[in-house]
Amino acid sequence: MSTIQRIALVLTIIGAINWGLIGFFQFDLVAAIFGGQGAALSRIIYGLVGIAGLINLGLLFIPSEQHEREIEPRTTR
């Protein structure tokens, strides 16, 4: 997994947590931290999370054998 994909995955997880908070508690953490949903910084964060989701969409198309080889631990001698 490349660095860009790892960053995108972290942003996607942040977005998922935020959506969970909105769904269960009607609390938008991003808006609370960055000054409301209409604030420029909040909109940038929402945009980055959306782009991250699109980047992670490519992970669905990696064959499972290739994915398993990528996550195998490397042994040292």
C-alpha atoms as a PDB file:
ATOM      1  CA  MET A   1       0.000   0.000   0.000  1.00  0.00           C
ATOM      2  CA  SER A   2       1.465   3.327  -1.014  1.00  0.00           C
ATOM      3  CA  THR A   3       1.781   6.350   1.250  1.00  0.00           C
ATOM      4  CA  ILE A   4      -1.016   8.143  -0.621  1.00  0.00           C
ATOM      5  CA  GLN A   5      -3.307   5.158  -0.099  1.00  0.00           C
ATOM      6  CA  ARG A   6      -2.469   5.062   3.616  1.00  0.00           C
ATOM      7  CA  ILE A   7      -3.245   8.771   3.999  1.00  0.00           C
ATOM      8  CA  ALA A   8      -6.451   8.290   2.035  1.00  0.00           C
ATOM      9  CA  LEU A   9      -7.409   5.359   4.267  1.00  0.00           C
ATOM     10  CA  VAL A  10      -6.864   7.439   7.425  1.00  0.00           C
ATOM     11  CA  LEU A  11      -8.980  10.275   5.990  1.00  0.00           C
ATOM     12  CA  THR A  12     -11.694   7.800   5.011  1.00  0.00           C
ATOM     13  CA  ILE A  13     -11.726   6.386   8.551  1.00  0.00           C
ATOM     14  CA  ILE A  14     -12.003   9.922   9.965  1.00  0.00           C
ATOM     15  CA  GLY A  15     -14.922  10.551   7.617  1.00  0.00           C
ATOM     16  CA  ALA A  16     -16.602   7.308   8.661  1.00  0.00           C
ATOM     17  CA  ILE A  17     -16.246   8.190  12.341  1.00  0.00           C
ATOM     18  CA  ASN A  18     -17.674  11.643  11.655  1.00  0.00           C
ATOM     19  CA  TRP A  19     -20.653  10.132   9.792  1.00  0.00           C
ATOM     20  CA  GLY A  20     -21.198   7.714  12.681  1.00  0.00           C
ATOM     21  CA  LEU A  21     -21.265  10.605  15.128  1.00  0.00           C
ATOM     22  CA  ILE A  22     -23.734  12.454  12.903  1.00  0.00           C
ATOM     23  CA  GLY A  23     -25.945   9.377  12.547  1.00  0.00           C
ATOM     24  CA  PHE A  24     -26.007   8.333  16.187  1.00  0.00           C
ATOM     25  CA  PHE A  25     -25.658  11.622  18.054  1.00  0.00           C
ATOM     26  CA  GLN A  26     -26.405  14.379  15.498  1.00  0.00           C
ATOM     27  CA  PHE A  27     -22.934  15.774  16.224  1.00  0.00           C
ATOM     28  CA  ASP A  28     -20.642  16.858  13.390  1.00  0.00           C
ATOM     29  CA  LEU A  29     -17.126  16.693  14.836  1.00  0.00           C
ATOM     30  CA  VAL A  30     -15.454  18.317  11.807  1.00  0.00           C
ATOM     31  CA  ALA A  31     -17.870  21.250  11.943  1.00  0.00           C
ATOM     32  CA  ALA A  32     -17.410  21.580  15.702  1.00  0.00           C
ATOM     33  CA  ILE A  33     -13.614  21.680  15.413  1.00  0.00           C
ATOM     34  CA  PHE A  34     -13.278  23.852  12.319  1.00  0.00           C
ATOM     35  CA  GLY A  35     -16.055  26.426  12.743  1.00  0.00           C
ATOM     36  CA  GLY A  36     -19.273  25.022  11.293  1.00  0.00           C
ATOM     37  CA  GLN A  37     -20.230  23.233   8.097  1.00  0.00           C
ATOM     38  CA  GLY A  38     -19.974  26.364   5.982  1.00  0.00           C
ATOM     39  CA  ALA A  39     -16.491  27.345   7.171  1.00  0.00           C
ATOM     40  CA  ALA A  40     -13.787  27.175   4.531  1.00  0.00           C
ATOM     41  CA  LEU A  41     -11.590  24.809   6.554  1.00  0.00           C
ATOM     42  CA  SER A  42     -14.496  22.432   7.189  1.00  0.00           C
ATOM     43  CA  ARG A  43     -15.315  22.357   3.491  1.00  0.00           C
ATOM     44  CA  ILE A  44     -11.660  21.589   2.696  1.00  0.00           C
ATOM     45  CA  ILE A  45     -11.710  18.682   5.171  1.00  0.00           C
ATOM     46  CA  TYR A  46     -14.972  17.360   3.688  1.00  0.00           C
ATOM     47  CA  GLY A  47     -13.464  17.633   0.208  1.00  0.00           C
ATOM     48  CA  LEU A  48     -10.277  15.800   1.238  1.00  0.00           C
ATOM     49  CA  VAL A  49     -12.328  13.003   2.801  1.00  0.00           C
ATOM     50  CA  GLY A  50     -14.346  12.707  -0.413  1.00  0.00           C
ATOM     51  CA  ILE A  51     -11.199  12.516  -2.542  1.00  0.00           C
ATOM     52  CA  ALA A  52      -9.773   9.941  -0.129  1.00  0.00           C
ATOM     53  CA  GLY A  53     -12.873   7.814  -0.628  1.00  0.00           C
ATOM     54  CA  LEU A  54     -12.365   7.923  -4.382  1.00  0.00           C
ATOM     55  CA  ILE A  55      -8.709   6.932  -4.007  1.00  0.00           C
ATOM     56  CA  ASN A  56      -9.691   4.008  -1.775  1.00  0.00           C
ATOM     57  CA  LEU A  57     -12.217   2.881  -4.358  1.00  0.00           C
ATOM     58  CA  GLY A  58      -9.263   1.418  -6.242  1.00  0.00           C
ATOM     59  CA  LEU A  59      -8.592  -0.966  -3.342  1.00  0.00           C
ATOM     60  CA  LEU A  60     -11.755  -2.850  -4.277  1.00  0.00           C
ATOM     61  CA  PHE A  61     -10.199  -3.930  -7.555  1.00  0.00           C
ATOM     62  CA  ILE A  62      -6.922  -5.351  -6.212  1.00  0.00           C
ATOM     63  CA  PRO A  63      -7.022  -9.149  -6.598  1.00  0.00           C
ATOM     64  CA  SER A  64      -7.131 -10.848  -3.208  1.00  0.00           C
ATOM     65  CA  GLU A  65      -3.949 -12.867  -3.904  1.00  0.00           C
ATOM     66  CA  GLN A  66      -1.975  -9.702  -4.587  1.00  0.00           C
ATOM     67  CA  HIS A  67      -3.423  -8.034  -1.497  1.00  0.00           C
ATOM     68  CA  GLU A  68      -2.479 -11.007   0.696  1.00  0.00           C
ATOM     69  CA  ARG A  69       1.100 -10.937  -0.613  1.00  0.00           C
ATOM     70  CA  GLU A  70       1.366  -7.226   0.207  1.00  0.00           C
ATOM     71  CA  ILE A  71       0.390  -7.695   3.849  1.00  0.00           C
ATOM     72  CA  GLU A  72       2.545 -10.754   4.578  1.00  0.00           C
ATOM     73  CA  PRO A  73       5.109  -9.925   7.276  1.00  0.00           C
ATOM     74  CA  ARG A  74       8.697  -9.859   6.114  1.00  0.00           C
ATOM     75  CA  THR A  75      11.014 -12.184   7.923  1.00  0.00           C
ATOM     76  CA  THR A  76      14.512 -11.140   8.884  1.00  0.00           C
ATOM     77  CA  ARG A  77      17.419 -13.454   9.279  1.00  0.00           C
END
